[in-house]
PDB file of N, CA and C in Angstrom:
ATOM      1  N   MET A   1     -43.796  53.459  14.298  1.00  0.00           N
ATOM      2  CA  MET A   1     -44.779  54.364  13.840  1.00  0.00           C
ATOM      3  C   MET A   1     -45.186  55.188  15.087  1.00  0.00           C
ATOM      4  N   MET A   2     -45.455  56.432  14.881  1.00  0.00           N
ATOM      5  CA  MET A   2     -45.773  57.430  15.802  1.00  0.00           C
ATOM      6  C   MET A   2     -47.335  57.232  16.298  1.00  0.00           C
ATOM      7  N   ASN A   3     -47.652  57.311  17.723  1.00  0.00           N
ATOM      8  CA  ASN A   3     -48.938  57.348  18.122  1.00  0.00           C
ATOM      9  C   ASN A   3     -49.314  58.699  18.305  1.00  0.00           C
ATOM     10  N   PHE A   4     -50.640  58.859  18.902  1.00  0.00           N
ATOM     11  CA  PHE A   4     -51.148  60.236  19.014  1.00  0.00           C
ATOM     12  C   PHE A   4     -50.515  60.915  20.208  1.00  0.00           C
ATOM     13  N   TYR A   5     -50.225  60.249  21.260  1.00  0.00           N
ATOM     14  CA  TYR A   5     -49.416  60.711  22.394  1.00  0.00           C
ATOM     15  C   TYR A   5     -48.004  61.320  21.989  1.00  0.00           C
ATOM     16  N   GLU A   6     -47.340  60.717  21.157  1.00  0.00           N
ATOM     17  CA  GLU A   6     -46.011  61.061  20.714  1.00  0.00           C
ATOM     18  C   GLU A   6     -46.217  62.328  19.823  1.00  0.00           C
ATOM     19  N   TYR A   7     -47.251  62.248  18.999  1.00  0.00           N
ATOM     20  CA  TYR A   7     -47.436  63.375  18.063  1.00  0.00           C
ATOM     21  C   TYR A   7     -47.703  64.633  18.872  1.00  0.00           C
ATOM     22  N   GLN A   8     -48.638  64.558  19.904  1.00  0.00           N
ATOM     23  CA  GLN A   8     -49.055  65.647  20.731  1.00  0.00           C
ATOM     24  C   GLN A   8     -47.820  66.298  21.421  1.00  0.00           C
ATOM     25  N   ILE A   9     -47.001  65.465  22.004  1.00  0.00           N
ATOM     26  CA  ILE A   9     -45.968  65.970  22.703  1.00  0.00           C
ATOM     27  C   ILE A   9     -44.946  66.734  21.710  1.00  0.00           C
ATOM     28  N   GLY A  10     -44.784  66.119  20.602  1.00  0.00           N
ATOM     29  CA  GLY A  10     -43.860  66.816  19.549  1.00  0.00           C
ATOM     30  C   GLY A  10     -44.602  68.145  18.987  1.00  0.00           C
ATOM     31  N   ALA A  11     -45.900  68.120  18.740  1.00  0.00           N
ATOM     32  CA  ALA A  11     -46.458  69.225  18.172  1.00  0.00           C
ATOM     33  C   ALA A  11     -46.482  70.489  19.221  1.00  0.00           C
ATOM     34  N   LEU A  12     -46.620  70.076  20.436  1.00  0.00           N
ATOM     35  CA  LEU A  12     -46.698  71.194  21.490  1.00  0.00           C
ATOM     36  C   LEU A  12     -45.301  71.875  21.729  1.00  0.00           C
ATOM     37  N   LYS A  13     -44.292  71.245  21.180  1.00  0.00           N
ATOM     38  CA  LYS A  13     -42.933  71.800  21.176  1.00  0.00           C
ATOM     39  C   LYS A  13     -42.838  73.004  20.265  1.00  0.00           C
ATOM     40  N   THR A  14     -43.790  73.070  19.333  1.00  0.00           N
ATOM     41  CA  THR A  14     -43.787  74.105  18.288  1.00  0.00           C
ATOM     42  C   THR A  14     -44.962  75.074  18.580  1.00  0.00           C
ATOM     43  N   ALA A  15     -45.701  74.943  19.626  1.00  0.00           N
ATOM     44  CA  ALA A  15     -46.853  75.845  19.948  1.00  0.00           C
ATOM     45  C   ALA A  15     -46.302  77.182  20.472  1.00  0.00           C
ATOM     46  N   VAL A  16     -46.579  78.241  19.599  1.00  0.00           N
ATOM     47  CA  VAL A  16     -46.289  79.629  20.025  1.00  0.00           C
ATOM     48  C   VAL A  16     -47.397  80.461  19.878  1.00  0.00           C
ATOM     49  N   TYR A  17     -48.107  80.645  20.993  1.00  0.00           N
ATOM     50  CA  TYR A  17     -49.206  81.708  21.096  1.00  0.00           C
ATOM     51  C   TYR A  17     -49.462  82.016  22.495  1.00  0.00           C
ATOM     52  N   PRO A  18     -50.104  83.180  22.778  1.00  0.00           N
ATOM     53  CA  PRO A  18     -50.256  83.634  24.153  1.00  0.00           C
ATOM     54  C   PRO A  18     -51.110  82.656  24.768  1.00  0.00           C
ATOM     55  N   LYS A  19     -50.568  82.117  26.051  1.00  0.00           N
ATOM     56  CA  LYS A  19     -51.269  81.148  26.769  1.00  0.00           C
ATOM     57  C   LYS A  19     -52.529  81.711  27.247  1.00  0.00           C
ATOM     58  N   LYS A  20     -52.858  82.966  27.513  1.00  0.00           N
ATOM     59  CA  LYS A  20     -54.051  83.604  27.960  1.00  0.00           C
ATOM     60  C   LYS A  20     -55.176  83.320  26.883  1.00  0.00           C
ATOM     61  N   TYR A  21     -54.792  82.980  25.610  1.00  0.00           N
ATOM     62  CA  TYR A  21     -55.782  82.731  24.635  1.00  0.00           C
ATOM     63  C   TYR A  21     -55.810  81.277  24.333  1.00  0.00           C
ATOM     64  N   ALA A  22     -55.248  80.353  25.100  1.00  0.00           N
ATOM     65  CA  ALA A  22     -54.903  78.955  24.805  1.00  0.00           C
ATOM     66  C   ALA A  22     -56.085  78.352  24.078  1.00  0.00           C
ATOM     67  N   VAL A  23     -57.194  78.184  24.733  1.00  0.00           N
ATOM     68  CA  VAL A  23     -58.326  77.331  24.331  1.00  0.00           C
ATOM     69  C   VAL A  23     -58.959  78.141  23.084  1.00  0.00           C
ATOM     70  N   SER A  24     -59.089  79.345  23.177  1.00  0.00           N
ATOM     71  CA  SER A  24     -59.720  80.172  22.147  1.00  0.00           C
ATOM     72  C   SER A  24     -58.835  80.069  20.741  1.00  0.00           C
ATOM     73  N   TYR A  25     -57.541  80.354  21.005  1.00  0.00           N
ATOM     74  CA  TYR A  25     -56.603  80.308  19.846  1.00  0.00           C
ATOM     75  C   TYR A  25     -56.643  79.003  19.113  1.00  0.00           C
ATOM     76  N   ALA A  26     -56.574  77.916  19.799  1.00  0.00           N
ATOM     77  CA  ALA A  26     -56.543  76.609  19.225  1.00  0.00           C
ATOM     78  C   ALA A  26     -57.872  76.289  18.627  1.00  0.00           C
ATOM     79  N   ALA A  27     -58.991  76.576  19.238  1.00  0.00           N
ATOM     80  CA  ALA A  27     -60.312  76.336  18.717  1.00  0.00           C
ATOM     81  C   ALA A  27     -60.546  77.105  17.331  1.00  0.00           C
ATOM     82  N   LEU A  28     -60.277  78.346  17.421  1.00  0.00           N
ATOM     83  CA  LEU A  28     -60.422  79.190  16.217  1.00  0.00           C
ATOM     84  C   LEU A  28     -59.462  78.764  15.063  1.00  0.00           C
ATOM     85  N   GLY A  29     -58.228  78.355  15.514  1.00  0.00           N
ATOM     86  CA  GLY A  29     -57.244  77.839  14.467  1.00  0.00           C
ATOM     87  C   GLY A  29     -57.692  76.512  13.883  1.00  0.00           C
ATOM     88  N   LEU A  30     -58.449  75.677  14.739  1.00  0.00           N
ATOM     89  CA  LEU A  30     -58.906  74.387  14.162  1.00  0.00           C
ATOM     90  C   LEU A  30     -60.022  74.610  13.210  1.00  0.00           C
ATOM     91  N   ALA A  31     -60.863  75.559  13.516  1.00  0.00           N
ATOM     92  CA  ALA A  31     -61.954  75.892  12.442  1.00  0.00           C
ATOM     93  C   ALA A  31     -61.337  76.393  11.165  1.00  0.00           C
ATOM     94  N   GLU A  32     -60.366  77.292  11.387  1.00  0.00           N
ATOM     95  CA  GLU A  32     -59.748  77.857  10.159  1.00  0.00           C
ATOM     96  C   GLU A  32     -59.109  76.837   9.326  1.00  0.00           C
ATOM     97  N   GLU A  33     -58.252  75.926   9.894  1.00  0.00           N
ATOM     98  CA  GLU A  33     -57.631  74.940   9.098  1.00  0.00           C
ATOM     99  C   GLU A  33     -58.604  73.788   8.602  1.00  0.00           C
ATOM    100  N   ALA A  34     -59.605  73.546   9.294  1.00  0.00           N
ATOM    101  CA  ALA A  34     -60.651  72.747   8.654  1.00  0.00           C
ATOM    102  C   ALA A  34     -61.276  73.305   7.517  1.00  0.00           C
ATOM    103  N   GLY A  35     -61.485  74.538   7.562  1.00  0.00           N
ATOM    104  CA  GLY A  35     -62.059  75.413   6.390  1.00  0.00           C
ATOM    105  C   GLY A  35     -61.139  75.402   5.227  1.00  0.00           C
ATOM    106  N   GLU A  36     -59.792  75.431   5.436  1.00  0.00           N
ATOM    107  CA  GLU A  36     -58.928  75.305   4.346  1.00  0.00           C
ATOM    108  C   GLU A  36     -58.972  73.989   3.689  1.00  0.00           C
ATOM    109  N   VAL A  37     -59.108  72.869   4.497  1.00  0.00           N
ATOM    110  CA  VAL A  37     -59.404  71.554   3.789  1.00  0.00           C
ATOM    111  C   VAL A  37     -60.577  71.566   2.925  1.00  0.00           C
ATOM    112  N   ALA A  38     -61.663  72.108   3.535  1.00  0.00           N
ATOM    113  CA  ALA A  38     -62.968  72.223   2.788  1.00  0.00           C
ATOM    114  C   ALA A  38     -62.785  73.028   1.565  1.00  0.00           C
ATOM    115  N   GLY A  39     -62.012  74.121   1.662  1.00  0.00           N
ATOM    116  CA  GLY A  39     -61.860  75.042   0.447  1.00  0.00           C
ATOM    117  C   GLY A  39     -61.160  74.349  -0.660  1.00  0.00           C
ATOM    118  N   LYS A  40     -60.156  73.526  -0.318  1.00  0.00           N
ATOM    119  CA  LYS A  40     -59.388  72.655  -1.431  1.00  0.00           C
ATOM    120  C   LYS A  40     -60.394  71.726  -2.026  1.00  0.00           C
ATOM    121  N   ILE A  41     -61.116  71.208  -1.231  1.00  0.00           N
ATOM    122  CA  ILE A  41     -62.005  70.228  -1.738  1.00  0.00           C
ATOM    123  C   ILE A  41     -63.129  70.930  -2.780  1.00  0.00           C
ATOM    124  N   ALA A  42     -63.642  72.058  -2.240  1.00  0.00           N
ATOM    125  CA  ALA A  42     -64.661  72.855  -3.035  1.00  0.00           C
ATOM    126  C   ALA A  42     -63.999  73.230  -4.393  1.00  0.00           C
ATOM    127  N   LYS A  43     -62.748  73.642  -4.337  1.00  0.00           N
ATOM    128  CA  LYS A  43     -62.140  74.123  -5.548  1.00  0.00           C
ATOM    129  C   LYS A  43     -61.971  72.915  -6.590  1.00  0.00           C
ATOM    130  N   MET A  44     -61.546  71.684  -5.928  1.00  0.00           N
ATOM    131  CA  MET A  44     -61.525  70.475  -6.711  1.00  0.00           C
ATOM    132  C   MET A  44     -62.776  70.231  -7.466  1.00  0.00           C
ATOM    133  N   MET A  45     -64.012  70.330  -6.731  1.00  0.00           N
ATOM    134  CA  MET A  45     -65.221  70.210  -7.344  1.00  0.00           C
ATOM    135  C   MET A  45     -65.501  71.197  -8.520  1.00  0.00           C
ATOM    136  N   ARG A  46     -65.301  72.552  -8.104  1.00  0.00           N
ATOM    137  CA  ARG A  46     -65.567  73.563  -9.011  1.00  0.00           C
ATOM    138  C   ARG A  46     -64.752  73.447 -10.366  1.00  0.00           C
ATOM    139  N   ASP A  47     -63.462  73.127 -10.217  1.00  0.00           N
ATOM    140  CA  ASP A  47     -62.489  73.212 -11.302  1.00  0.00           C
ATOM    141  C   ASP A  47     -62.391  71.835 -11.746  1.00  0.00           C
ATOM    142  N   GLU A  48     -63.060  70.755 -11.314  1.00  0.00           N
ATOM    143  CA  GLU A  48     -62.927  69.332 -11.761  1.00  0.00           C
ATOM    144  C   GLU A  48     -61.483  68.828 -11.784  1.00  0.00           C
ATOM    145  N   ILE A  49     -60.913  69.231 -10.637  1.00  0.00           N
ATOM    146  CA  ILE A  49     -59.493  68.651 -10.368  1.00  0.00           C
ATOM    147  C   ILE A  49     -59.417  67.410  -9.691  1.00  0.00           C
ATOM    148  N   PRO A  50     -58.778  66.346 -10.251  1.00  0.00           N
ATOM    149  CA  PRO A  50     -58.746  65.137  -9.644  1.00  0.00           C
ATOM    150  C   PRO A  50     -58.089  65.070  -8.311  1.00  0.00           C
ATOM    151  N   MET A  51     -58.414  64.189  -7.413  1.00  0.00           N
ATOM    152  CA  MET A  51     -57.955  64.171  -6.127  1.00  0.00           C
ATOM    153  C   MET A  51     -56.527  63.947  -6.105  1.00  0.00           C
ATOM    154  N   GLN A  52     -55.969  63.100  -7.094  1.00  0.00           N
ATOM    155  CA  GLN A  52     -54.481  62.775  -7.076  1.00  0.00           C
ATOM    156  C   GLN A  52     -53.767  64.127  -7.286  1.00  0.00           C
ATOM    157  N   ASP A  53     -54.225  65.152  -7.975  1.00  0.00           N
ATOM    158  CA  ASP A  53     -53.509  66.501  -8.120  1.00  0.00           C
ATOM    159  C   ASP A  53     -53.584  67.246  -6.876  1.00  0.00           C
ATOM    160  N   GLN A  54     -54.479  66.975  -6.019  1.00  0.00           N
ATOM    161  CA  GLN A  54     -54.540  67.795  -4.809  1.00  0.00           C
ATOM    162  C   GLN A  54     -54.298  67.076  -3.494  1.00  0.00           C
ATOM    163  N   LYS A  55     -53.955  65.786  -3.668  1.00  0.00           N
ATOM    164  CA  LYS A  55     -53.724  64.960  -2.474  1.00  0.00           C
ATOM    165  C   LYS A  55     -52.680  65.465  -1.485  1.00  0.00           C
ATOM    166  N   GLN A  56     -51.549  65.964  -2.049  1.00  0.00           N
ATOM    167  CA  GLN A  56     -50.531  66.435  -1.136  1.00  0.00           C
ATOM    168  C   GLN A  56     -50.941  67.710  -0.436  1.00  0.00           C
ATOM    169  N   ALA A  57     -51.519  68.597  -1.063  1.00  0.00           N
ATOM    170  CA  ALA A  57     -52.035  69.965  -0.596  1.00  0.00           C
ATOM    171  C   ALA A  57     -53.026  69.660   0.504  1.00  0.00           C
ATOM    172  N   ILE A  58     -53.917  68.791   0.220  1.00  0.00           N
ATOM    173  CA  ILE A  58     -54.941  68.506   1.291  1.00  0.00           C
ATOM    174  C   ILE A  58     -54.283  67.735   2.481  1.00  0.00           C
ATOM    175  N   ALA A  59     -53.354  66.894   2.186  1.00  0.00           N
ATOM    176  CA  ALA A  59     -52.687  66.257   3.357  1.00  0.00           C
ATOM    177  C   ALA A  59     -52.018  67.256   4.192  1.00  0.00           C
ATOM    178  N   ALA A  60     -51.405  68.306   3.572  1.00  0.00           N
ATOM    179  CA  ALA A  60     -50.787  69.288   4.285  1.00  0.00           C
ATOM    180  C   ALA A  60     -51.795  70.106   5.248  1.00  0.00           C
ATOM    181  N   GLU A  61     -52.840  70.426   4.586  1.00  0.00           N
ATOM    182  CA  GLU A  61     -53.903  71.039   5.453  1.00  0.00           C
ATOM    183  C   GLU A  61     -54.357  70.223   6.503  1.00  0.00           C
ATOM    184  N   MET A  62     -54.638  68.887   6.257  1.00  0.00           N
ATOM    185  CA  MET A  62     -55.170  68.058   7.400  1.00  0.00           C
ATOM    186  C   MET A  62     -54.040  67.970   8.427  1.00  0.00           C
ATOM    187  N   GLY A  63     -52.789  68.031   8.123  1.00  0.00           N
ATOM    188  CA  GLY A  63     -51.708  68.025   9.073  1.00  0.00           C
ATOM    189  C   GLY A  63     -51.878  69.315  10.033  1.00  0.00           C
ATOM    190  N   ASP A  64     -52.325  70.388   9.442  1.00  0.00           N
ATOM    191  CA  ASP A  64     -52.538  71.632  10.259  1.00  0.00           C
ATOM    192  C   ASP A  64     -53.627  71.494  11.179  1.00  0.00           C
ATOM    193  N   VAL A  65     -54.747  70.806  10.615  1.00  0.00           N
ATOM    194  CA  VAL A  65     -56.013  70.438  11.415  1.00  0.00           C
ATOM    195  C   VAL A  65     -55.564  69.532  12.627  1.00  0.00           C
ATOM    196  N   LEU A  66     -54.650  68.594  12.348  1.00  0.00           N
ATOM    197  CA  LEU A  66     -54.099  67.716  13.444  1.00  0.00           C
ATOM    198  C   LEU A  66     -53.456  68.387  14.554  1.00  0.00           C
ATOM    199  N   TRP A  67     -52.603  69.465  14.034  1.00  0.00           N
ATOM    200  CA  TRP A  67     -51.800  70.150  15.007  1.00  0.00           C
ATOM    201  C   TRP A  67     -52.664  71.076  15.959  1.00  0.00           C
ATOM    202  N   MET A  68     -53.703  71.625  15.244  1.00  0.00           N
ATOM    203  CA  MET A  68     -54.604  72.535  16.113  1.00  0.00           C
ATOM    204  C   MET A  68     -55.358  71.621  17.142  1.00  0.00           C
ATOM    205  N   LEU A  69     -55.843  70.554  16.563  1.00  0.00           N
ATOM    206  CA  LEU A  69     -56.588  69.550  17.479  1.00  0.00           C
ATOM    207  C   LEU A  69     -55.606  69.166  18.683  1.00  0.00           C
ATOM    208  N   ALA A  70     -54.460  68.892  18.336  1.00  0.00           N
ATOM    209  CA  ALA A  70     -53.468  68.429  19.532  1.00  0.00           C
ATOM    210  C   ALA A  70     -53.297  69.572  20.516  1.00  0.00           C
ATOM    211  N   ALA A  71     -53.248  70.783  19.959  1.00  0.00           N
ATOM    212  CA  ALA A  71     -53.041  72.015  20.909  1.00  0.00           C
ATOM    213  C   ALA A  71     -54.290  72.201  21.699  1.00  0.00           C
ATOM    214  N   LEU A  72     -55.404  72.174  21.033  1.00  0.00           N
ATOM    215  CA  LEU A  72     -56.721  72.401  21.701  1.00  0.00           C
ATOM    216  C   LEU A  72     -56.948  71.202  22.675  1.00  0.00           C
ATOM    217  N   ALA A  73     -56.697  69.983  22.463  1.00  0.00           N
ATOM    218  CA  ALA A  73     -56.765  68.955  23.378  1.00  0.00           C
ATOM    219  C   ALA A  73     -55.944  69.276  24.674  1.00  0.00           C
ATOM    220  N   HIS A  74     -54.762  69.626  24.431  1.00  0.00           N
ATOM    221  CA  HIS A  74     -53.763  69.948  25.446  1.00  0.00           C
ATOM    222  C   HIS A  74     -54.249  71.153  26.374  1.00  0.00           C
ATOM    223  N   ASP A  75     -54.696  72.120  25.651  1.00  0.00           N
ATOM    224  CA  ASP A  75     -55.189  73.300  26.374  1.00  0.00           C
ATOM    225  C   ASP A  75     -56.534  73.042  27.153  1.00  0.00           C
ATOM    226  N   CYS A  76     -57.169  71.974  26.715  1.00  0.00           N
ATOM    227  CA  CYS A  76     -58.438  71.616  27.616  1.00  0.00           C
ATOM    228  C   CYS A  76     -58.036  70.446  28.608  1.00  0.00           C
ATOM    229  N   GLY A  77     -56.751  70.179  28.795  1.00  0.00           N
ATOM    230  CA  GLY A  77     -56.223  69.198  29.737  1.00  0.00           C
ATOM    231  C   GLY A  77     -56.555  67.734  29.234  1.00  0.00           C
ATOM    232  N   LEU A  78     -56.533  67.582  27.980  1.00  0.00           N
ATOM    233  CA  LEU A  78     -56.908  66.275  27.372  1.00  0.00           C
ATOM    234  C   LEU A  78     -55.815  65.688  26.493  1.00  0.00           C
ATOM    235  N   SER A  79     -55.775  64.305  26.440  1.00  0.00           N
ATOM    236  CA  SER A  79     -54.721  63.688  25.593  1.00  0.00           C
ATOM    237  C   SER A  79     -55.400  63.239  24.337  1.00  0.00           C
ATOM    238  N   LEU A  80     -54.720  63.624  23.282  1.00  0.00           N
ATOM    239  CA  LEU A  80     -55.115  63.335  21.941  1.00  0.00           C
ATOM    240  C   LEU A  80     -55.162  61.781  21.792  1.00  0.00           C
ATOM    241  N   GLN A  81     -54.338  61.031  22.367  1.00  0.00           N
ATOM    242  CA  GLN A  81     -54.343  59.538  22.493  1.00  0.00           C
ATOM    243  C   GLN A  81     -55.591  58.984  23.107  1.00  0.00           C
ATOM    244  N   THR A  82     -55.907  59.604  24.218  1.00  0.00           N
ATOM    245  CA  THR A  82     -57.269  59.238  24.905  1.00  0.00           C
ATOM    246  C   THR A  82     -58.423  59.606  24.095  1.00  0.00           C
ATOM    247  N   ILE A  83     -58.479  60.855  23.483  1.00  0.00           N
ATOM    248  CA  ILE A  83     -59.626  61.191  22.576  1.00  0.00           C
ATOM    249  C   ILE A  83     -59.789  60.112  21.482  1.00  0.00           C
ATOM    250  N   ALA A  84     -58.780  59.754  20.795  1.00  0.00           N
ATOM    251  CA  ALA A  84     -58.833  58.923  19.667  1.00  0.00           C
ATOM    252  C   ALA A  84     -59.250  57.453  20.263  1.00  0.00           C
ATOM    253  N   GLU A  85     -58.764  56.957  21.354  1.00  0.00           N
ATOM    254  CA  GLU A  85     -59.158  55.742  21.888  1.00  0.00           C
ATOM    255  C   GLU A  85     -60.711  55.757  22.300  1.00  0.00           C
ATOM    256  N   MET A  86     -61.142  56.854  22.924  1.00  0.00           N
ATOM    257  CA  MET A  86     -62.480  57.006  23.356  1.00  0.00           C
ATOM    258  C   MET A  86     -63.447  57.031  22.093  1.00  0.00           C
ATOM    259  N   ASN A  87     -63.146  57.775  21.043  1.00  0.00           N
ATOM    260  CA  ASN A  87     -63.772  57.835  19.790  1.00  0.00           C
ATOM    261  C   ASN A  87     -64.015  56.387  19.153  1.00  0.00           C
ATOM    262  N   ALA A  88     -62.907  55.714  19.137  1.00  0.00           N
ATOM    263  CA  ALA A  88     -62.938  54.341  18.500  1.00  0.00           C
ATOM    264  C   ALA A  88     -63.805  53.474  19.221  1.00  0.00           C
ATOM    265  N   GLU A  89     -63.778  53.556  20.471  1.00  0.00           N
ATOM    266  CA  GLU A  89     -64.648  52.751  21.353  1.00  0.00           C
ATOM    267  C   GLU A  89     -66.093  53.099  21.124  1.00  0.00           C
ATOM    268  N   LYS A  90     -66.469  54.327  21.075  1.00  0.00           N
ATOM    269  CA  LYS A  90     -67.729  54.844  20.831  1.00  0.00           C
ATOM    270  C   LYS A  90     -68.238  54.326  19.503  1.00  0.00           C
ATOM    271  N   LEU A  91     -67.473  54.496  18.486  1.00  0.00           N
ATOM    272  CA  LEU A  91     -67.920  53.932  17.190  1.00  0.00           C
ATOM    273  C   LEU A  91     -67.992  52.503  17.108  1.00  0.00           C
ATOM    274  N   LYS A  92     -67.181  51.825  17.837  1.00  0.00           N
ATOM    275  CA  LYS A  92     -67.376  50.283  17.802  1.00  0.00           C
ATOM    276  C   LYS A  92     -68.629  49.894  18.470  1.00  0.00           C
ATOM    277  N   LYS A  93     -69.039  50.512  19.662  1.00  0.00           N
ATOM    278  CA  LYS A  93     -70.263  50.164  20.295  1.00  0.00           C
ATOM    279  C   LYS A  93     -71.430  50.554  19.369  1.00  0.00           C
ATOM    280  N   ARG A  94     -71.391  51.670  18.623  1.00  0.00           N
ATOM    281  CA  ARG A  94     -72.444  52.121  17.608  1.00  0.00           C
ATOM    282  C   ARG A  94     -72.533  51.041  16.553  1.00  0.00           C
ATOM    283  N   GLN A  95     -71.443  50.594  16.142  1.00  0.00           N
ATOM    284  CA  GLN A  95     -71.427  49.571  15.052  1.00  0.00           C
ATOM    285  C   GLN A  95     -72.052  48.293  15.681  1.00  0.00           C
ATOM    286  N   GLU A  96     -71.653  47.840  16.815  1.00  0.00           N
ATOM    287  CA  GLU A  96     -72.232  46.613  17.411  1.00  0.00           C
ATOM    288  C   GLU A  96     -73.808  46.868  17.587  1.00  0.00           C
ATOM    289  N   ALA A  97     -74.269  48.013  17.877  1.00  0.00           N
ATOM    290  CA  ALA A  97     -75.668  48.284  18.221  1.00  0.00           C
ATOM    291  C   ALA A  97     -76.419  48.579  16.842  1.00  0.00           C
ATOM    292  N   GLY A  98     -75.620  48.716  15.767  1.00  0.00           N
ATOM    293  CA  GLY A  98     -76.385  48.968  14.609  1.00  0.00           C
ATOM    294  C   GLY A  98     -76.804  50.556  14.461  1.00  0.00           C
ATOM    295  N   THR A  99     -76.145  51.370  15.129  1.00  0.00           N
ATOM    296  CA  THR A  99     -76.497  52.758  15.114  1.00  0.00           C
ATOM    297  C   THR A  99     -75.527  53.727  14.698  1.00  0.00           C
ATOM    298  N   LEU A 100     -74.699  53.276  13.605  1.00  0.00           N
ATOM    299  CA  LEU A 100     -73.849  54.216  13.005  1.00  0.00           C
ATOM    300  C   LEU A 100     -74.478  55.189  12.243  1.00  0.00           C
ATOM    301  N   HIS A 101     -75.530  54.851  11.757  1.00  0.00           N
ATOM    302  CA  HIS A 101     -76.281  55.891  11.000  1.00  0.00           C
ATOM    303  C   HIS A 101     -77.226  56.620  11.890  1.00  0.00           C
ATOM    304  N   GLY A 102     -77.622  57.803  11.688  1.00  0.00           N
ATOM    305  CA  GLY A 102     -78.596  58.485  12.534  1.00  0.00           C
ATOM    306  C   GLY A 102     -78.054  59.782  13.081  1.00  0.00           C
ATOM    307  N   GLU A 103     -78.650  60.242  14.059  1.00  0.00           N
ATOM    308  CA  GLU A 103     -78.126  61.568  14.584  1.00  0.00           C
ATOM    309  C   GLU A 103     -78.154  61.471  16.137  1.00  0.00           C
ATOM    310  N   GLY A 104     -77.451  62.353  16.755  1.00  0.00           N
ATOM    311  CA  GLY A 104     -77.398  62.584  18.303  1.00  0.00           C
ATOM    312  C   GLY A 104     -76.328  61.742  18.753  1.00  0.00           C
ATOM    313  N   ASP A 105     -75.826  62.207  20.011  1.00  0.00           N
ATOM    314  CA  ASP A 105     -74.709  61.650  20.666  1.00  0.00           C
ATOM    315  C   ASP A 105     -75.028  60.329  21.325  1.00  0.00           C
ATOM    316  N   ASN A 106     -76.309  60.164  21.745  1.00  0.00           N
ATOM    317  CA  ASN A 106     -76.591  59.009  22.554  1.00  0.00           C
ATOM    318  C   ASN A 106     -77.404  57.999  21.654  1.00  0.00           C
ATOM    319  N   ARG A 107     -76.717  57.415  20.775  1.00  0.00           N
ATOM    320  CA  ARG A 107     -77.370  56.426  19.824  1.00  0.00           C
ATOM    321  C   ARG A 107     -77.017  55.075  20.231  1.00  0.00           C
TER     322      ARG A 107
END
């Protein structure tokens, strides 16, 4: 099974955009791709389409989100693997503290 590090390395081999726009391009692309996921789900709600009928299309859009996130992380000098591990640890601590619900970064 592929880990986030391996995915990021592979994804970056397909990154074709002007490096002078590195962070901006990836950040805006991430927002665009996340919007496409939301749009598919909104249309499911509007047209009462079952998840099963849209699962593959949503998965494809989520893949584009993951690609943009991998590119953005790289452009910011970050490892997607490290980000995933940090987030898992943060959520584990919140769960242990009983603060998964609520707002704010410092819960």
